[in-house]
């Protein structure tokens, strides 16, 4: 299991690990989230709503009313439950699979650990809000990962902000 180090974005100089909150699209205009581990990156397609939620979480944007992922965080906290980690464990038919590892405080000696199936994009949106680690199975990274050497496409110097 590989611990993802950063959620990155592409800028004019390639991919960086500390700058976040910019949109990257595939050729069909779908948003892509890029996770990085050492010298590898893992691009994951995300829906527009999930990409927006990830960007808001990374930028710590406060909405006047809780959005879906914010609401989930409030529910988890209300039930004394923490998000321990996000796991991306499988790639099948072009679809990534993930789960949340939750820990609920109990009155007894042992806390309850819960594993919930989840789309990786939703899991990432929760992870950035709850400051928890994201892990990816090594074989998924080997199959779907790429070398961290992305360069901007011709004429792609201006990118759109998630929050514009």
Protein backbone atom coordinates (compact mmCIF):
# COMPACT_ATOMS: atom_id res chain seq x y z
CA UNK A 1 0.00 0.00 0.00
CA UNK A 2 1.47 3.35 -1.06
CA UNK A 3 0.79 6.51 0.94
CA UNK A 4 -0.16 9.30 -1.47
CA UNK A 5 1.95 12.34 -0.71
CA UNK A 6 0.15 15.12 -2.54
CA UNK A 7 -2.87 16.09 -4.55
CA UNK A 8 -1.30 18.09 -7.34
CA UNK A 9 -2.10 20.30 -10.26
CA UNK A 10 -0.32 21.01 -13.48
CA UNK A 11 1.18 24.45 -13.99
CA UNK A 12 3.38 25.97 -16.69
CA UNK A 13 6.40 24.07 -15.37
CA UNK A 14 4.81 20.63 -15.14
CA UNK A 15 3.38 18.99 -12.03
CA UNK A 16 4.16 20.35 -8.60
CA UNK A 17 3.39 18.88 -5.22
CA UNK A 18 2.43 21.93 -3.21
CA UNK A 19 0.26 23.98 -5.54
CA UNK A 20 -3.35 22.92 -5.64
CA UNK A 21 -6.76 24.13 -6.69
CA UNK A 22 -6.37 24.33 -10.49
CA UNK A 23 -8.34 22.39 -13.04
CA UNK A 24 -6.83 19.74 -15.22
CA UNK A 25 -9.04 18.23 -17.91
CA UNK A 26 -8.87 15.26 -20.20
CA UNK A 27 -9.48 15.68 -23.94
CA UNK A 28 -13.24 15.45 -23.39
CA UNK A 29 -13.21 18.26 -20.85
CA UNK A 30 -13.69 16.06 -17.76
CA UNK A 31 -11.86 17.11 -14.56
CA UNK A 32 -8.93 14.98 -13.41
CA UNK A 33 -7.55 14.71 -9.88
CA UNK A 34 -3.86 13.87 -9.79
CA UNK A 35 -2.45 12.05 -6.77
CA UNK A 36 1.30 11.73 -6.43
CA UNK A 37 3.57 9.18 -4.79
CA UNK A 38 7.34 9.56 -5.03
CA UNK A 39 8.07 9.90 -8.77
CA UNK A 40 4.67 8.57 -9.91
CA UNK A 41 1.32 10.25 -10.42
CA UNK A 42 -2.14 8.68 -10.51
CA UNK A 43 -4.69 10.59 -12.60
CA UNK A 44 -8.31 9.91 -11.59
CA UNK A 45 -11.34 11.23 -13.44
CA UNK A 46 -13.77 13.08 -11.21
CA UNK A 47 -17.22 14.49 -11.78
CA UNK A 48 -17.63 18.25 -11.82
CA UNK A 49 -19.32 18.27 -8.40
CA UNK A 50 -16.60 16.12 -6.83
CA UNK A 51 -13.82 18.20 -8.42
CA UNK A 52 -15.46 21.34 -7.05
CA UNK A 53 -15.77 19.70 -3.61
CA UNK A 54 -12.11 18.65 -3.63
CA UNK A 55 -11.00 22.16 -4.61
CA UNK A 56 -13.18 23.73 -1.90
CA UNK A 57 -11.75 21.34 0.67
CA UNK A 58 -8.16 22.04 -0.38
CA UNK A 59 -8.73 25.78 -0.30
CA UNK A 60 -10.69 25.57 2.99
CA UNK A 61 -13.60 27.46 1.41
CA UNK A 62 -16.49 27.99 3.83
CA UNK A 63 -19.90 27.87 2.19
CA UNK A 64 -22.90 29.64 3.75
CA UNK A 65 -24.62 26.25 4.10
CA UNK A 66 -22.96 22.81 4.26
CA UNK A 67 -22.41 21.13 0.91
CA UNK A 68 -22.74 17.32 0.66
CA UNK A 69 -19.18 16.43 1.71
CA UNK A 70 -19.26 19.03 4.49
CA UNK A 71 -22.52 17.49 5.70
CA UNK A 72 -20.94 14.02 5.76
CA UNK A 73 -18.08 15.40 7.89
CA UNK A 74 -20.62 16.92 10.32
CA UNK A 75 -22.52 13.62 10.54
CA UNK A 76 -19.34 11.65 11.21
CA UNK A 77 -18.26 14.07 13.92
CA UNK A 78 -21.77 13.97 15.42
CA UNK A 79 -21.43 10.20 15.78
CA UNK A 80 -17.90 10.53 17.24
CA UNK A 81 -16.41 8.96 14.14
CA UNK A 82 -13.15 9.90 12.46
CA UNK A 83 -11.92 9.17 8.96
CA UNK A 84 -8.72 7.18 9.49
CA UNK A 85 -7.74 6.76 5.84
CA UNK A 86 -8.87 6.51 2.25
CA UNK A 87 -7.82 3.42 0.30
CA UNK A 88 -7.78 3.13 -3.48
CA UNK A 89 -7.60 -0.60 -3.83
CA UNK A 90 -8.63 -1.65 -7.34
CA UNK A 91 -8.83 -0.62 -10.98
CA UNK A 92 -11.29 -2.63 -13.03
CA UNK A 93 -12.64 -1.79 -16.45
CA UNK A 94 -11.22 1.73 -16.25
CA UNK A 95 -12.96 2.40 -12.92
CA UNK A 96 -11.10 2.98 -9.66
CA UNK A 97 -12.51 1.50 -6.47
CA UNK A 98 -11.91 2.81 -3.00
CA UNK A 99 -13.12 2.70 0.54
CA UNK A 100 -13.16 4.77 3.67
CA UNK A 101 -11.71 3.46 6.91
CA UNK A 102 -13.70 4.98 9.77
CA UNK A 103 -13.11 4.70 13.50
CA UNK A 104 -16.02 5.26 15.87
CA UNK A 105 -15.42 5.92 19.53
CA UNK A 106 -17.26 3.51 21.81
CA UNK A 107 -17.86 3.36 25.54
CA UNK A 108 -15.88 0.13 25.72
CA UNK A 109 -12.16 -0.47 25.36
CA UNK A 110 -12.10 -1.05 21.61
CA UNK A 111 -13.24 1.50 19.05
CA UNK A 112 -15.35 0.26 16.15
CA UNK A 113 -13.53 0.21 12.78
CA UNK A 114 -15.79 0.46 9.75
CA UNK A 115 -14.86 0.00 6.06
CA UNK A 116 -17.23 1.63 3.55
CA UNK A 117 -17.10 1.27 -0.24
CA UNK A 118 -16.75 4.68 -1.86
CA UNK A 119 -15.87 6.33 -5.16
CA UNK A 120 -12.29 7.61 -4.87
CA UNK A 121 -13.30 11.16 -5.87
CA UNK A 122 -15.82 11.34 -3.02
CA UNK A 123 -13.29 9.79 -0.65
CA UNK A 124 -10.66 12.37 -1.64
CA UNK A 125 -13.18 15.18 -1.05
CA UNK A 126 -13.69 13.85 2.49
CA UNK A 127 -9.97 13.23 3.08
CA UNK A 128 -9.01 16.82 2.33
CA UNK A 129 -11.68 18.04 4.78
CA UNK A 130 -10.72 15.63 7.55
CA UNK A 131 -6.96 15.78 6.98
CA UNK A 132 -6.51 12.03 6.66
CA UNK A 133 -4.04 10.01 4.59
CA UNK A 134 -4.85 8.60 1.16
CA UNK A 135 -3.37 5.21 0.29
CA UNK A 136 -3.23 3.39 -3.03
CA UNK A 137 -2.46 -0.27 -3.61
CA UNK A 138 0.94 -0.63 -5.22
CA UNK A 139 -0.42 -2.71 -8.10
CA UNK A 140 -2.99 0.00 -8.93
CA UNK A 141 -0.22 2.60 -9.03
CA UNK A 142 1.91 0.30 -11.20
CA UNK A 143 -0.91 -0.26 -13.71
CA UNK A 144 -2.59 3.18 -13.80
CA UNK A 145 0.21 5.44 -12.57
CA UNK A 146 2.45 7.48 -14.79
CA UNK A 147 5.91 8.98 -14.43
CA UNK A 148 5.73 12.44 -12.91
CA UNK A 149 6.83 14.30 -16.03
CA UNK A 150 3.64 15.97 -17.30
CA UNK A 151 4.18 18.98 -19.50
CA UNK A 152 1.47 21.46 -20.50
CA UNK A 153 -0.07 20.92 -23.91
CA UNK A 154 0.58 23.53 -26.64
CA UNK A 155 -1.49 26.62 -25.97
CA UNK A 156 -2.43 25.34 -22.50
CA UNK A 157 -0.57 27.96 -20.52
CA UNK A 158 -3.72 29.49 -19.07
CA UNK A 159 -5.69 27.12 -16.87
CA UNK A 160 -9.01 27.69 -15.22
CA UNK A 161 -9.30 28.01 -11.44
CA UNK A 162 -11.67 25.57 -9.72
CA UNK A 163 -13.17 28.41 -7.74
CA UNK A 164 -13.71 31.03 -10.46
